Each structure stands twice: as structure tokens, then as C-alpha cells.
Amino acid sequence: QVQLVESGGGLVQPGGSLRLSCAASGFTLEYYSIGWFRQAPGKEREVVSCIRSSDGNTYYLDSVTGRVTISRDNPKNTVNLQMTDLNPADPAVYYCATGREFGTARCNEFTYDSWGQGTQVTVSS
């Protein structure tokens, strides 16, 4: 069974850090483009970061650039999202998904179709 499972969310103080992990079962993540998305209550889902399968090219949402790093851990079959300096704009449910690469498009333009169940990130003092 093909499945994505996110983990690593939780409650953190402003300025704190979290490392989210997207683990796959039933397939090898290394061969897929992966996106991390977030959705806060009442807001549209947005792509936070993604990594393209063909060349490792990455994308970061402007508001997280410099604070977030996406990386692959192929032996563990995971894609991680290291987040630092978390602030009140970051709380949301964070999801990972597999993307369909096409042409020279950046990974934030891909269609994403297989999704995990999400992990909650809360920032509060």
C-alpha cells in the first residue's frame, strides 16, 4: 500500500525550531518530487517548499526563505523539512505530497496527488 506519513509537528515557542518528516511506505521517495504544504484555518493551502526529483532543485515560499530547509534522507526513505525561527504566521497543518514533474517547471508548479494525513504545528508562548 502506497502511503505518506508526516511526523514531527507540535507546540513550539516563537523563535523555536521543528523538524518535520515525511515517510513513505510502499514506494521509494527518492524517485519522486516532494512538496511540503500547509493550511491554516480559514486560509488557502500553500506550498511551503518542494524538491524536484530529476535534479534536486528546490523551491521555498518567500515568507519561509532562510528559515526552512528541505532535504532528502534516502536511506530512511524520508523527506525532511527543518524549520527555524518559527513565528505566529507559521501555525498550520503541514502536509507532504508527491508531485508530477513536467518539463522545466519549478516544483511549486507541479500537480501533487498522493498526500499524507498532516501534522499540526503550533507556535505559542
Protein backbone atom coordinates (compact mmCIF):
# COMPACT_ATOMS: atom_id res chain seq x y z
CA GLN A 1 0.00 0.00 0.00
CA VAL A 2 1.36 3.40 -1.02
CA GLN A 3 1.33 5.76 1.90
CA LEU A 4 2.86 9.01 3.13
CA VAL A 5 3.04 9.78 6.85
CA GLU A 6 4.09 13.11 8.31
CA SER A 7 5.54 13.49 11.78
CA GLY A 8 7.43 15.99 13.89
CA GLY A 9 4.79 18.62 14.44
CA GLY A 10 3.99 20.03 17.84
CA LEU A 11 3.92 23.08 20.06
CA VAL A 12 6.91 25.39 19.94
CA GLN A 13 7.62 28.85 21.29
CA PRO A 14 8.19 31.76 18.92
CA GLY A 15 11.72 31.58 17.64
CA GLY A 16 11.84 27.85 18.13
CA SER A 17 12.54 25.06 15.66
CA LEU A 18 10.88 21.91 14.42
CA ARG A 19 11.92 19.18 12.06
CA LEU A 20 9.07 17.65 10.11
CA SER A 21 9.48 14.30 8.44
CA CYS A 22 7.61 12.75 5.54
CA ALA A 23 8.00 8.98 5.45
CA ALA A 24 6.91 6.74 2.62
CA SER A 25 5.82 3.15 2.59
CA GLY A 26 5.20 1.09 -0.49
CA PHE A 27 7.39 3.20 -2.76
CA THR A 28 10.75 4.98 -2.85
CA LEU A 29 10.61 8.70 -2.21
CA GLU A 30 13.94 9.30 -3.89
CA TYR A 31 12.29 8.95 -7.31
CA TYR A 32 9.53 11.45 -6.63
CA SER A 33 9.27 15.19 -6.42
CA ILE A 34 8.01 16.02 -2.95
CA GLY A 35 6.21 19.07 -1.71
CA TRP A 36 5.53 20.33 1.77
CA PHE A 37 2.31 22.30 2.10
CA ARG A 38 0.50 23.98 4.93
CA GLN A 39 -3.04 25.05 5.58
CA ALA A 40 -4.16 27.26 8.42
CA PRO A 41 -7.82 27.59 9.44
CA GLY A 42 -9.71 29.80 7.01
CA LYS A 43 -6.76 30.07 4.63
CA GLU A 44 -5.84 28.53 1.32
CA ARG A 45 -3.37 25.69 1.24
CA GLU A 46 0.07 26.91 0.18
CA VAL A 47 3.26 25.23 -0.85
CA VAL A 48 5.96 25.85 1.72
CA SER A 49 8.78 24.06 -0.03
CA CYS A 50 9.38 21.36 -2.58
CA ILE A 51 12.18 19.41 -4.15
CA ARG A 52 12.32 18.20 -7.73
CA SER A 53 13.14 14.56 -8.37
CA SER A 54 15.22 14.98 -11.52
CA ASP A 55 17.87 17.37 -10.22
CA GLY A 56 17.12 18.22 -6.60
CA ASN A 57 16.10 21.76 -7.46
CA THR A 58 14.19 23.31 -4.58
CA TYR A 59 11.60 25.99 -4.02
CA TYR A 60 10.77 27.97 -0.90
CA LEU A 61 7.82 30.20 -0.13
CA ASP A 62 9.06 33.77 0.27
CA SER A 63 7.92 34.02 3.88
CA VAL A 64 9.97 30.97 4.91
CA THR A 65 13.08 31.54 2.81
CA GLY A 66 16.13 31.48 5.04
CA ARG A 67 14.25 29.73 7.84
CA VAL A 68 13.30 26.45 6.20
CA THR A 69 15.36 23.72 4.56
CA ILE A 70 14.01 20.73 2.66
CA SER A 71 16.20 17.66 2.37
CA ARG A 72 16.09 14.01 1.44
CA ASP A 73 17.22 11.16 3.65
CA ASN A 74 17.23 8.36 1.12
CA PRO A 75 18.39 5.54 3.43
CA LYS A 76 15.42 6.32 5.66
CA ASN A 77 13.09 6.93 2.71
CA THR A 78 12.05 10.31 4.10
CA VAL A 79 11.97 13.94 3.07
CA ASN A 80 12.51 16.36 5.94
CA LEU A 81 11.57 19.97 6.49
CA GLN A 82 13.77 21.75 9.00
CA MET A 83 12.06 24.89 10.25
CA THR A 84 13.74 27.50 12.41
CA ASP A 85 12.75 30.86 13.91
CA LEU A 86 9.09 29.89 13.88
CA ASN A 87 6.69 32.78 14.21
CA PRO A 88 2.94 33.36 14.59
CA ALA A 89 2.48 33.18 10.79
CA ASP A 90 3.66 29.56 10.68
CA PRO A 91 0.98 27.60 12.61
CA ALA A 92 -0.92 25.25 10.34
CA VAL A 93 -1.37 21.63 9.45
CA TYR A 94 1.62 20.66 7.37
CA TYR A 95 1.27 18.04 4.65
CA CYS A 96 3.65 16.31 2.31
CA ALA A 97 2.70 15.08 -1.13
CA THR A 98 4.20 13.52 -4.24
CA GLY A 99 4.38 15.71 -7.31
CA ARG A 100 4.38 15.02 -11.04
CA GLU A 101 7.33 16.67 -12.67
CA PHE A 102 6.88 18.12 -16.13
CA GLY A 103 9.28 19.86 -18.45
CA THR A 104 11.38 22.53 -16.82
CA ALA A 105 8.63 23.69 -14.46
CA ARG A 106 9.59 24.51 -10.91
CA CYS A 107 8.28 22.08 -8.34
CA ASN A 108 5.79 24.58 -6.93
CA GLU A 109 4.00 24.37 -10.31
CA PHE A 110 3.62 20.60 -10.27
CA THR A 111 0.42 18.68 -9.72
CA TYR A 112 0.51 16.91 -6.35
CA ASP A 113 -1.64 13.86 -5.92
CA SER A 114 -0.66 11.50 -3.10
CA TRP A 115 -0.99 13.18 0.30
CA GLY A 116 -0.25 12.35 3.87
CA GLN A 117 -2.65 12.99 6.75
CA GLY A 118 -0.80 16.06 8.01
CA THR A 119 0.95 17.11 11.19
CA GLN A 120 -0.04 20.10 13.31
CA VAL A 121 2.42 22.91 14.00
CA THR A 122 1.52 25.35 16.75
CA VAL A 123 3.56 28.39 17.73
CA SER A 124 2.72 29.89 21.08
CA SER A 125 4.42 31.29 24.15
